Amino acid sequence: MTSTLASSVSLGRAAAPTDTTLAVASGRNLIAAGSIFAMANAVQWAILGGALDLHPAVLSLTWPIAVGTFLVILRQLRAAGGEAGRRTAVWSRFAILSQIGAALVLVAASAATGQWGLMMWTSVVGLALYGIAWGTAAVRTRRIWIGAVAAGCLCAAGGVATLVGTPGQYLAYAGGLVAFALLPGLALVFRGRI
């Protein structure tokens, strides 16, 4: 009994794939995304702010490493989560592709205008995409707490917009990911329901 309970609470796998609810599978993905991408932003902040004495070229590695790590973990969560894991993996891949698509639009706009500072808006776009996703979930589930997460996320995107161009934007984005991905993900996993 105890080992079954421990394995069902485990963030990496359920006692059996059929035991995983959509809420738990979604929560696991959010925990992975929130922790991995918050860490990538914290590294960005630490390098740009001088807390880590690394060459700025290292910045070009943080996102490919973070995305690669997330996709590997997502694959494991998908395999462990049964049908719910497969469904949430599709949404998570869509979210990553949306973020990459937004970054590519910013690259194109930067190249066209010669204003490479536009790339710094990816932090704002990232939080806005989370806000839109939470807003969609709030409408579909009619849960007030999910609507509050959506509103908070969109407000945080506005707050990060005031920091664009400073190292602090990356720390603020990391905090936003903890607040609006990691923590709600933990809530979904431990509640087991929306």
N, C-alpha and C. Protein backbone atom coordinates (compact mmCIF):
# COMPACT_ATOMS: atom_id res chain seq x y z
N MET A 1 0.82 -1.19 0.00
CA MET A 1 0.00 0.00 0.00
C MET A 1 0.87 1.26 0.00
N THR A 2 1.88 1.28 0.87
CA THR A 2 2.74 2.46 0.98
C THR A 2 3.50 2.71 -0.31
N SER A 3 4.02 1.65 -0.95
CA SER A 3 4.76 1.85 -2.19
C SER A 3 3.84 2.34 -3.30
N THR A 4 2.59 1.88 -3.32
CA THR A 4 1.64 2.36 -4.32
C THR A 4 1.33 3.83 -4.09
N LEU A 5 1.15 4.22 -2.85
CA LEU A 5 0.89 5.62 -2.52
C LEU A 5 2.09 6.47 -2.90
N ALA A 6 3.27 6.02 -2.55
CA ALA A 6 4.48 6.78 -2.88
C ALA A 6 4.65 6.92 -4.37
N SER A 7 4.38 5.87 -5.13
CA SER A 7 4.56 5.97 -6.58
C SER A 7 3.47 6.82 -7.22
N SER A 8 2.28 6.86 -6.66
CA SER A 8 1.24 7.69 -7.25
C SER A 8 1.47 9.16 -6.97
N VAL A 9 2.15 9.48 -5.88
CA VAL A 9 2.47 10.87 -5.56
C VAL A 9 3.71 11.32 -6.33
N SER A 10 4.53 10.36 -6.76
CA SER A 10 5.75 10.68 -7.48
C SER A 10 5.46 11.57 -8.67
N LEU A 11 6.29 12.61 -8.84
CA LEU A 11 6.11 13.53 -9.96
C LEU A 11 6.54 12.90 -11.28
N GLY A 12 7.31 11.84 -11.23
CA GLY A 12 7.83 11.26 -12.45
C GLY A 12 6.95 10.18 -13.06
N ARG A 13 6.14 9.50 -12.25
CA ARG A 13 5.33 8.42 -12.80
C ARG A 13 4.16 8.12 -11.87
N ALA A 14 3.11 7.62 -12.42
CA ALA A 14 1.95 7.22 -11.63
C ALA A 14 2.08 5.76 -11.26
N ALA A 15 1.24 5.29 -10.35
CA ALA A 15 1.26 3.88 -9.97
C ALA A 15 1.01 3.02 -11.20
N ALA A 16 0.13 3.46 -12.06
CA ALA A 16 -0.13 2.81 -13.34
C ALA A 16 -0.59 3.91 -14.29
N PRO A 17 -0.23 3.82 -15.58
CA PRO A 17 -0.61 4.87 -16.51
C PRO A 17 -2.10 5.20 -16.49
N THR A 18 -2.96 4.22 -16.25
CA THR A 18 -4.40 4.49 -16.25
C THR A 18 -4.83 5.28 -15.02
N ASP A 19 -3.98 5.33 -13.98
CA ASP A 19 -4.31 6.07 -12.76
C ASP A 19 -4.12 7.57 -12.93
N THR A 20 -3.41 8.01 -13.95
CA THR A 20 -3.08 9.41 -14.11
C THR A 20 -4.27 10.17 -14.67
N THR A 21 -4.68 11.21 -13.93
CA THR A 21 -5.76 12.07 -14.41
C THR A 21 -5.18 13.14 -15.32
N LEU A 22 -6.05 13.79 -16.04
CA LEU A 22 -5.62 14.89 -16.90
C LEU A 22 -5.00 16.01 -16.07
N ALA A 23 -5.57 16.28 -14.90
CA ALA A 23 -5.03 17.32 -14.03
C ALA A 23 -3.61 16.98 -13.57
N VAL A 24 -3.39 15.74 -13.17
CA VAL A 24 -2.06 15.33 -12.71
C VAL A 24 -1.06 15.38 -13.86
N ALA A 25 -1.45 14.89 -15.03
CA ALA A 25 -0.55 14.92 -16.18
C ALA A 25 -0.22 16.37 -16.57
N SER A 26 -1.22 17.23 -16.55
CA SER A 26 -0.98 18.65 -16.85
C SER A 26 -0.06 19.27 -15.81
N GLY A 27 -0.31 18.95 -14.56
CA GLY A 27 0.52 19.47 -13.49
C GLY A 27 1.97 19.06 -13.61
N ARG A 28 2.19 17.82 -13.96
CA ARG A 28 3.57 17.35 -14.15
C ARG A 28 4.27 18.12 -15.25
N ASN A 29 3.58 18.35 -16.36
CA ASN A 29 4.18 19.11 -17.45
C ASN A 29 4.49 20.54 -17.02
N LEU A 30 3.57 21.13 -16.25
CA LEU A 30 3.79 22.50 -15.77
C LEU A 30 4.95 22.57 -14.79
N ILE A 31 5.09 21.56 -13.95
CA ILE A 31 6.22 21.52 -13.03
C ILE A 31 7.52 21.47 -13.81
N ALA A 32 7.57 20.61 -14.82
CA ALA A 32 8.78 20.51 -15.64
C ALA A 32 9.06 21.83 -16.36
N ALA A 33 8.05 22.39 -17.01
CA ALA A 33 8.24 23.63 -17.75
C ALA A 33 8.63 24.78 -16.82
N GLY A 34 7.90 24.91 -15.72
CA GLY A 34 8.17 26.00 -14.80
C GLY A 34 9.57 25.94 -14.22
N SER A 35 9.99 24.76 -13.80
CA SER A 35 11.32 24.65 -13.19
C SER A 35 12.44 24.78 -14.21
N ILE A 36 12.31 24.13 -15.35
CA ILE A 36 13.38 24.16 -16.35
C ILE A 36 13.54 25.55 -16.95
N PHE A 37 12.44 26.16 -17.36
CA PHE A 37 12.54 27.47 -18.01
C PHE A 37 12.80 28.59 -17.00
N ALA A 38 12.37 28.43 -15.76
CA ALA A 38 12.74 29.41 -14.73
C ALA A 38 14.25 29.35 -14.48
N MET A 39 14.79 28.14 -14.45
CA MET A 39 16.24 27.99 -14.26
C MET A 39 17.00 28.62 -15.42
N ALA A 40 16.54 28.41 -16.65
CA ALA A 40 17.21 29.00 -17.81
C ALA A 40 17.19 30.53 -17.71
N ASN A 41 16.08 31.09 -17.27
CA ASN A 41 16.00 32.55 -17.11
C ASN A 41 16.88 33.03 -15.97
N ALA A 42 16.96 32.26 -14.90
CA ALA A 42 17.84 32.64 -13.79
C ALA A 42 19.30 32.65 -14.24
N VAL A 43 19.67 31.70 -15.08
CA VAL A 43 21.05 31.69 -15.62
C VAL A 43 21.26 32.90 -16.52
N GLN A 44 20.28 33.23 -17.34
CA GLN A 44 20.37 34.43 -18.19
C GLN A 44 20.60 35.67 -17.32
N TRP A 45 19.80 35.81 -16.27
CA TRP A 45 19.92 36.95 -15.37
C TRP A 45 21.31 36.97 -14.71
N ALA A 46 21.75 35.80 -14.25
CA ALA A 46 23.03 35.74 -13.54
C ALA A 46 24.20 36.11 -14.45
N ILE A 47 24.14 35.71 -15.70
CA ILE A 47 25.22 36.05 -16.64
C ILE A 47 25.16 37.53 -17.00
N LEU A 48 23.98 37.99 -17.37
CA LEU A 48 23.84 39.39 -17.78
C LEU A 48 24.04 40.36 -16.61
N GLY A 49 23.67 39.94 -15.42
CA GLY A 49 23.82 40.79 -14.24
C GLY A 49 25.19 40.70 -13.59
N GLY A 50 26.03 39.80 -14.06
CA GLY A 50 27.38 39.69 -13.53
C GLY A 50 27.52 38.76 -12.34
N ALA A 51 26.45 38.09 -11.92
CA ALA A 51 26.55 37.16 -10.80
C ALA A 51 27.32 35.90 -11.18
N LEU A 52 27.25 35.52 -12.44
CA LEU A 52 28.05 34.41 -12.98
C LEU A 52 29.06 35.00 -13.95
N ASP A 53 30.31 34.72 -13.71
CA ASP A 53 31.36 35.26 -14.56
C ASP A 53 31.59 34.33 -15.75
N LEU A 54 30.64 34.35 -16.67
CA LEU A 54 30.72 33.54 -17.88
C LEU A 54 30.63 34.45 -19.09
N HIS A 55 31.22 34.01 -20.16
CA HIS A 55 31.17 34.78 -21.41
C HIS A 55 29.72 34.85 -21.88
N PRO A 56 29.29 36.02 -22.39
CA PRO A 56 27.91 36.15 -22.88
C PRO A 56 27.52 35.15 -23.98
N ALA A 57 28.50 34.56 -24.65
CA ALA A 57 28.19 33.56 -25.67
C ALA A 57 27.46 32.36 -25.06
N VAL A 58 27.65 32.14 -23.76
CA VAL A 58 26.96 31.04 -23.08
C VAL A 58 25.45 31.24 -23.14
N LEU A 59 25.01 32.49 -23.25
CA LEU A 59 23.58 32.78 -23.33
C LEU A 59 22.91 32.06 -24.49
N SER A 60 23.66 31.86 -25.56
CA SER A 60 23.07 31.20 -26.74
C SER A 60 22.84 29.71 -26.50
N LEU A 61 23.38 29.17 -25.42
CA LEU A 61 23.20 27.75 -25.11
C LEU A 61 22.05 27.49 -24.15
N THR A 62 21.66 28.49 -23.37
CA THR A 62 20.68 28.22 -22.32
C THR A 62 19.35 27.74 -22.87
N TRP A 63 18.85 28.37 -23.92
CA TRP A 63 17.54 27.97 -24.43
C TRP A 63 17.55 26.64 -25.16
N PRO A 64 18.53 26.37 -26.03
CA PRO A 64 18.53 25.02 -26.63
C PRO A 64 18.65 23.91 -25.59
N ILE A 65 19.46 24.14 -24.54
CA ILE A 65 19.58 23.14 -23.49
C ILE A 65 18.26 23.00 -22.74
N ALA A 66 17.62 24.13 -22.41
CA ALA A 66 16.36 24.08 -21.67
C ALA A 66 15.26 23.38 -22.49
N VAL A 67 15.13 23.75 -23.75
CA VAL A 67 14.10 23.14 -24.60
C VAL A 67 14.37 21.65 -24.77
N GLY A 68 15.62 21.29 -25.03
CA GLY A 68 15.97 19.88 -25.18
C GLY A 68 15.68 19.08 -23.92
N THR A 69 16.03 19.63 -22.78
CA THR A 69 15.76 18.97 -21.50
C THR A 69 14.26 18.79 -21.30
N PHE A 70 13.50 19.85 -21.58
CA PHE A 70 12.05 19.77 -21.41
C PHE A 70 11.45 18.71 -22.32
N LEU A 71 11.89 18.65 -23.57
CA LEU A 71 11.32 17.67 -24.50
C LEU A 71 11.64 16.24 -24.09
N VAL A 72 12.83 16.01 -23.54
CA VAL A 72 13.19 14.67 -23.05
C VAL A 72 12.29 14.30 -21.87
N ILE A 73 12.12 15.23 -20.93
CA ILE A 73 11.27 14.96 -19.77
C ILE A 73 9.82 14.80 -20.21
N LEU A 74 9.38 15.62 -21.14
CA LEU A 74 8.01 15.53 -21.65
C LEU A 74 7.75 14.15 -22.24
N ARG A 75 8.72 13.61 -22.94
CA ARG A 75 8.56 12.27 -23.52
C ARG A 75 8.39 11.23 -22.42
N GLN A 76 9.17 11.36 -21.34
CA GLN A 76 9.05 10.43 -20.23
C GLN A 76 7.70 10.57 -19.53
N LEU A 77 7.26 11.81 -19.35
CA LEU A 77 5.96 12.04 -18.72
C LEU A 77 4.82 11.51 -19.59
N ARG A 78 4.98 11.66 -20.89
CA ARG A 78 3.96 11.16 -21.81
C ARG A 78 3.86 9.64 -21.69
N ALA A 79 4.99 8.97 -21.65
CA ALA A 79 4.99 7.51 -21.55
C ALA A 79 4.42 7.04 -20.21
N ALA A 80 4.68 7.77 -19.15
CA ALA A 80 4.23 7.37 -17.82
C ALA A 80 2.78 7.76 -17.55
N GLY A 81 2.21 8.65 -18.35
CA GLY A 81 0.91 9.21 -18.03
C GLY A 81 -0.28 8.60 -18.73
N GLY A 82 -0.09 7.56 -19.50
CA GLY A 82 -1.23 6.95 -20.20
C GLY A 82 -1.86 7.94 -21.18
N GLU A 83 -3.16 7.82 -21.35
CA GLU A 83 -3.88 8.69 -22.30
C GLU A 83 -3.80 10.15 -21.87
N ALA A 84 -3.92 10.42 -20.58
CA ALA A 84 -3.82 11.81 -20.10
C ALA A 84 -2.43 12.38 -20.39
N GLY A 85 -1.42 11.58 -20.23
CA GLY A 85 -0.06 12.02 -20.54
C GLY A 85 0.11 12.34 -22.01
N ARG A 86 -0.48 11.53 -22.87
CA ARG A 86 -0.41 11.80 -24.31
C ARG A 86 -1.13 13.09 -24.66
N ARG A 87 -2.30 13.30 -24.08
CA ARG A 87 -3.07 14.51 -24.38
C ARG A 87 -2.32 15.77 -23.94
N THR A 88 -1.78 15.74 -22.74
CA THR A 88 -1.09 16.94 -22.26
C THR A 88 0.24 17.16 -22.97
N ALA A 89 0.86 16.08 -23.43
CA ALA A 89 2.11 16.23 -24.19
C ALA A 89 1.86 16.98 -25.50
N VAL A 90 0.72 16.74 -26.12
CA VAL A 90 0.37 17.45 -27.35
C VAL A 90 0.25 18.94 -27.07
N TRP A 91 -0.43 19.31 -25.98
CA TRP A 91 -0.57 20.72 -25.64
C TRP A 91 0.77 21.34 -25.29
N SER A 92 1.62 20.59 -24.59
CA SER A 92 2.94 21.12 -24.23
C SER A 92 3.81 21.34 -25.46
N ARG A 93 3.74 20.42 -26.41
CA ARG A 93 4.49 20.62 -27.66
C ARG A 93 3.97 21.84 -28.41
N PHE A 94 2.66 22.01 -28.43
CA PHE A 94 2.06 23.17 -29.07
C PHE A 94 2.55 24.46 -28.40
N ALA A 95 2.63 24.44 -27.08
CA ALA A 95 3.10 25.62 -26.34
C ALA A 95 4.56 25.94 -26.70
N ILE A 96 5.39 24.92 -26.76
CA ILE A 96 6.80 25.14 -27.12
C ILE A 96 6.89 25.67 -28.54
N LEU A 97 6.14 25.08 -29.46
CA LEU A 97 6.16 25.56 -30.84
C LEU A 97 5.64 26.98 -30.95
N SER A 98 4.66 27.34 -30.13
CA SER A 98 4.16 28.72 -30.12
C SER A 98 5.24 29.68 -29.66
N GLN A 99 5.96 29.30 -28.62
CA GLN A 99 7.05 30.16 -28.12
C GLN A 99 8.16 30.28 -29.16
N ILE A 100 8.52 29.17 -29.79
CA ILE A 100 9.55 29.21 -30.83
C ILE A 100 9.07 30.05 -32.01
N GLY A 101 7.80 29.88 -32.38
CA GLY A 101 7.24 30.68 -33.47
C GLY A 101 7.28 32.16 -33.15
N ALA A 102 6.93 32.53 -31.92
CA ALA A 102 6.98 33.94 -31.51
C ALA A 102 8.42 34.46 -31.57
N ALA A 103 9.37 33.63 -31.14
CA ALA A 103 10.78 34.04 -31.18
C ALA A 103 11.23 34.24 -32.64
N LEU A 104 10.78 33.36 -33.53
CA LEU A 104 11.14 33.51 -34.94
C LEU A 104 10.53 34.77 -35.55
N VAL A 105 9.32 35.12 -35.14
CA VAL A 105 8.71 36.36 -35.60
C VAL A 105 9.56 37.55 -35.11
N LEU A 106 10.00 37.49 -33.87
CA LEU A 106 10.85 38.56 -33.34
C LEU A 106 12.20 38.60 -34.06
N VAL A 107 12.74 37.45 -34.43
CA VAL A 107 13.99 37.42 -35.21
C VAL A 107 13.77 38.10 -36.55
N ALA A 108 12.66 37.76 -37.22
CA ALA A 108 12.37 38.35 -38.53
C ALA A 108 12.18 39.87 -38.41
N ALA A 109 11.45 40.29 -37.38
CA ALA A 109 11.24 41.73 -37.17
C ALA A 109 12.56 42.43 -36.85
N SER A 110 13.40 41.77 -36.07
CA SER A 110 14.70 42.35 -35.73
C SER A 110 15.58 42.47 -36.97
N ALA A 111 15.58 41.43 -37.79
CA ALA A 111 16.39 41.46 -39.01
C ALA A 111 15.89 42.53 -39.97
N ALA A 112 14.58 42.66 -40.08
CA ALA A 112 14.00 43.64 -41.00
C ALA A 112 14.26 45.07 -40.57
N THR A 113 14.24 45.29 -39.26
CA THR A 113 14.40 46.66 -38.76
C THR A 113 15.81 46.98 -38.30
N GLY A 114 16.63 45.94 -38.11
CA GLY A 114 17.97 46.15 -37.58
C GLY A 114 17.96 46.44 -36.08
N GLN A 115 16.82 46.27 -35.44
CA GLN A 115 16.66 46.51 -34.00
C GLN A 115 16.64 45.17 -33.25
N TRP A 116 17.81 44.65 -32.94
CA TRP A 116 17.90 43.34 -32.33
C TRP A 116 17.41 43.32 -30.88
N GLY A 117 17.18 44.48 -30.32
CA GLY A 117 16.60 44.58 -28.99
C GLY A 117 15.18 44.03 -28.93
N LEU A 118 14.54 43.90 -30.08
CA LEU A 118 13.19 43.32 -30.11
C LEU A 118 13.17 41.89 -29.54
N MET A 119 14.31 41.20 -29.65
CA MET A 119 14.39 39.83 -29.15
C MET A 119 14.17 39.77 -27.64
N MET A 120 14.43 40.87 -26.96
CA MET A 120 14.25 40.88 -25.51
C MET A 120 12.78 40.76 -25.10
N TRP A 121 11.88 40.94 -26.04
CA TRP A 121 10.46 40.85 -25.75
C TRP A 121 9.96 39.40 -25.63
N THR A 122 10.85 38.43 -25.84
CA THR A 122 10.41 37.04 -25.72
C THR A 122 9.94 36.72 -24.30
N SER A 123 10.50 37.38 -23.30
CA SER A 123 10.05 37.16 -21.92
C SER A 123 8.58 37.56 -21.76
N VAL A 124 8.25 38.71 -22.29
CA VAL A 124 6.87 39.20 -22.20
C VAL A 124 5.94 38.28 -22.98
N VAL A 125 6.35 37.90 -24.17
CA VAL A 125 5.54 37.02 -25.01
C VAL A 125 5.33 35.68 -24.32
N GLY A 126 6.39 35.15 -23.69
CA GLY A 126 6.27 33.87 -23.00
C GLY A 126 5.22 33.90 -21.91
N LEU A 127 5.26 34.91 -21.06
CA LEU A 127 4.25 35.01 -19.99
C LEU A 127 2.86 35.26 -20.57
N ALA A 128 2.79 36.05 -21.63
CA ALA A 128 1.48 36.29 -22.27
C ALA A 128 0.90 34.99 -22.82
N LEU A 129 1.75 34.14 -23.40
CA LEU A 129 1.26 32.85 -23.90
C LEU A 129 0.76 31.97 -22.76
N TYR A 130 1.47 31.96 -21.64
CA TYR A 130 0.97 31.23 -20.48
C TYR A 130 -0.37 31.80 -20.02
N GLY A 131 -0.48 33.12 -20.01
CA GLY A 131 -1.73 33.76 -19.60
C GLY A 131 -2.89 33.38 -20.50
N ILE A 132 -2.63 33.34 -21.80
CA ILE A 132 -3.66 32.94 -22.76
C ILE A 132 -4.06 31.47 -22.53
N ALA A 133 -3.07 30.63 -22.30
CA ALA A 133 -3.36 29.20 -22.06
C ALA A 133 -4.18 29.04 -20.78
N TRP A 134 -3.79 29.73 -19.72
CA TRP A 134 -4.56 29.66 -18.48
C TRP A 134 -5.96 30.23 -18.68
N GLY A 135 -6.07 31.30 -19.44
CA GLY A 135 -7.38 31.89 -19.72
C GLY A 135 -8.28 30.92 -20.46
N THR A 136 -7.72 30.22 -21.42
CA THR A 136 -8.48 29.20 -22.15
C THR A 136 -8.93 28.09 -21.20
N ALA A 137 -8.02 27.66 -20.33
CA ALA A 137 -8.37 26.63 -19.36
C ALA A 137 -9.46 27.12 -18.40
N ALA A 138 -9.39 28.39 -18.02
CA ALA A 138 -10.40 28.95 -17.11
C ALA A 138 -11.78 28.95 -17.76
N VAL A 139 -11.83 29.31 -19.02
CA VAL A 139 -13.12 29.32 -19.74
C VAL A 139 -13.65 27.89 -19.86
N ARG A 140 -12.78 26.97 -20.21
CA ARG A 140 -13.22 25.59 -20.40
C ARG A 140 -13.64 24.92 -19.11
N THR A 141 -12.92 25.19 -18.00
CA THR A 141 -13.21 24.51 -16.74
C THR A 141 -14.15 25.29 -15.83
N ARG A 142 -14.27 26.59 -16.09
CA ARG A 142 -15.08 27.50 -15.25
C ARG A 142 -14.59 27.49 -13.80
N ARG A 143 -13.29 27.44 -13.64
CA ARG A 143 -12.69 27.46 -12.30
C ARG A 143 -12.12 28.85 -12.04
N ILE A 144 -12.54 29.45 -10.94
CA ILE A 144 -12.10 30.80 -10.60
C ILE A 144 -10.60 30.84 -10.35
N TRP A 145 -10.05 29.83 -9.68
CA TRP A 145 -8.63 29.87 -9.37
C TRP A 145 -7.79 29.86 -10.64
N ILE A 146 -8.25 29.17 -11.67
CA ILE A 146 -7.50 29.14 -12.93
C ILE A 146 -7.61 30.51 -13.61
N GLY A 147 -8.76 31.15 -13.52
CA GLY A 147 -8.90 32.50 -14.04
C GLY A 147 -7.98 33.48 -13.32
N ALA A 148 -7.83 33.29 -12.00
CA ALA A 148 -6.92 34.15 -11.23
C ALA A 148 -5.47 33.95 -11.67
N VAL A 149 -5.11 32.70 -11.94
CA VAL A 149 -3.75 32.43 -12.44
C VAL A 149 -3.55 33.11 -13.79
N ALA A 150 -4.56 33.03 -14.66
CA ALA A 150 -4.48 33.68 -15.97
C ALA A 150 -4.30 35.18 -15.82
N ALA A 151 -5.11 35.80 -14.98
CA ALA A 151 -5.02 37.25 -14.77
C ALA A 151 -3.67 37.64 -14.19
N GLY A 152 -3.21 36.87 -13.20
CA GLY A 152 -1.90 37.15 -12.61
C GLY A 152 -0.78 37.03 -13.62
N CYS A 153 -0.89 36.04 -14.47
CA CYS A 153 0.13 35.81 -15.49
C CYS A 153 0.18 36.97 -16.49
N LEU A 154 -0.98 37.43 -16.90
CA LEU A 154 -1.02 38.56 -17.85
C LEU A 154 -0.53 39.84 -17.19
N CYS A 155 -0.84 40.03 -15.92
CA CYS A 155 -0.30 41.20 -15.20
C CYS A 155 1.21 41.10 -15.07
N ALA A 156 1.70 39.90 -14.80
CA ALA A 156 3.15 39.70 -14.71
C ALA A 156 3.83 39.99 -16.05
N ALA A 157 3.17 39.61 -17.15
CA ALA A 157 3.73 39.93 -18.47
C ALA A 157 3.87 41.44 -18.62
N GLY A 158 2.87 42.18 -18.16
CA GLY A 158 2.94 43.64 -18.19
C GLY A 158 4.07 44.16 -17.32
N GLY A 159 4.25 43.55 -16.15
CA GLY A 159 5.35 43.94 -15.28
C GLY A 159 6.71 43.67 -15.89
N VAL A 160 6.86 42.52 -16.53
CA VAL A 160 8.13 42.19 -17.18
C VAL A 160 8.39 43.16 -18.33
N ALA A 161 7.34 43.61 -18.99
CA ALA A 161 7.51 44.57 -20.09
C ALA A 161 8.19 45.85 -19.62
N THR A 162 7.96 46.21 -18.36
CA THR A 162 8.62 47.43 -17.85
C THR A 162 10.11 47.22 -17.59
N LEU A 163 10.54 45.97 -17.59
CA LEU A 163 11.95 45.64 -17.33
C LEU A 163 12.73 45.26 -18.58
N VAL A 164 12.06 45.25 -19.74
CA VAL A 164 12.72 44.83 -20.98
C VAL A 164 13.99 45.64 -21.19
N GLY A 165 15.06 44.93 -21.49
CA GLY A 165 16.35 45.58 -21.72
C GLY A 165 17.25 45.58 -20.51
N THR A 166 16.76 45.07 -19.39
CA THR A 166 17.57 44.99 -18.18
C THR A 166 17.75 43.53 -17.79
N PRO A 167 18.82 43.20 -17.06
CA PRO A 167 18.96 41.81 -16.59
C PRO A 167 17.78 41.38 -15.71
N GLY A 168 17.17 42.36 -15.01
CA GLY A 168 16.06 42.04 -14.13
C GLY A 168 14.87 41.42 -14.84
N GLN A 169 14.72 41.64 -16.14
CA GLN A 169 13.60 41.04 -16.85
C GLN A 169 13.67 39.53 -16.79
N TYR A 170 14.87 38.97 -16.82
CA TYR A 170 15.02 37.52 -16.81
C TYR A 170 14.71 36.94 -15.43
N LEU A 171 15.09 37.67 -14.39
CA LEU A 171 14.77 37.24 -13.04
C LEU A 171 13.25 37.34 -12.82
N ALA A 172 12.64 38.40 -13.30
CA ALA A 172 11.19 38.56 -13.18
C ALA A 172 10.46 37.47 -13.97
N TYR A 173 10.95 37.14 -15.16
CA TYR A 173 10.35 36.07 -15.95
C TYR A 173 10.48 34.74 -15.22
N ALA A 174 11.65 34.49 -14.62
CA ALA A 174 11.84 33.26 -13.84
C ALA A 174 10.83 33.20 -12.70
N GLY A 175 10.64 34.33 -12.01
CA GLY A 175 9.65 34.37 -10.94
C GLY A 175 8.24 34.13 -11.45
N GLY A 176 7.94 34.69 -12.62
CA GLY A 176 6.63 34.46 -13.22
C GLY A 176 6.41 33.00 -13.57
N LEU A 177 7.44 32.34 -14.06
CA LEU A 177 7.31 30.92 -14.40
C LEU A 177 7.12 30.06 -13.15
N VAL A 178 7.79 30.43 -12.06
CA VAL A 178 7.59 29.72 -10.81
C VAL A 178 6.15 29.93 -10.33
N ALA A 179 5.70 31.19 -10.36
CA ALA A 179 4.36 31.53 -9.85
C ALA A 179 3.23 30.99 -10.72
N PHE A 180 3.43 30.98 -12.04
CA PHE A 180 2.30 30.68 -12.93
C PHE A 180 2.45 29.39 -13.74
N ALA A 181 3.51 28.63 -13.49
CA ALA A 181 3.65 27.30 -14.09
C ALA A 181 3.98 26.27 -13.00
N LEU A 182 5.09 26.48 -12.31
CA LEU A 182 5.53 25.51 -11.31
C LEU A 182 4.52 25.35 -10.17
N LEU A 183 4.14 26.44 -9.52
CA LEU A 183 3.24 26.34 -8.36
C LEU A 183 1.84 25.83 -8.74
N PRO A 184 1.22 26.34 -9.83
CA PRO A 184 -0.07 25.74 -10.22
C PRO A 184 0.08 24.27 -10.62
N GLY A 185 1.22 23.92 -11.21
CA GLY A 185 1.47 22.52 -11.55
C GLY A 185 1.50 21.64 -10.31
N LEU A 186 2.17 22.13 -9.27
CA LEU A 186 2.19 21.39 -8.01
C LEU A 186 0.78 21.24 -7.44
N ALA A 187 0.01 22.31 -7.53
CA ALA A 187 -1.38 22.25 -7.04
C ALA A 187 -2.18 21.20 -7.79
N LEU A 188 -2.02 21.14 -9.10
CA LEU A 188 -2.76 20.15 -9.89
C LEU A 188 -2.34 18.73 -9.54
N VAL A 189 -1.03 18.52 -9.38
CA VAL A 189 -0.55 17.18 -9.07
C VAL A 189 -1.04 16.72 -7.70
N PHE A 190 -0.93 17.58 -6.70
CA PHE A 190 -1.27 17.14 -5.35
C PHE A 190 -2.77 17.14 -5.08
N ARG A 191 -3.53 17.96 -5.81
CA ARG A 191 -4.99 17.91 -5.68
C ARG A 191 -5.54 16.75 -6.48
N GLY A 192 -4.90 16.45 -7.62
CA GLY A 192 -5.36 15.34 -8.45
C GLY A 192 -6.57 15.66 -9.29
N ARG A 193 -6.99 16.91 -9.24
CA ARG A 193 -8.16 17.34 -10.02
C ARG A 193 -8.04 18.83 -10.30
N ILE A 194 -8.84 19.31 -11.24
CA ILE A 194 -8.85 20.73 -11.57
C ILE A 194 -9.64 21.41 -10.50
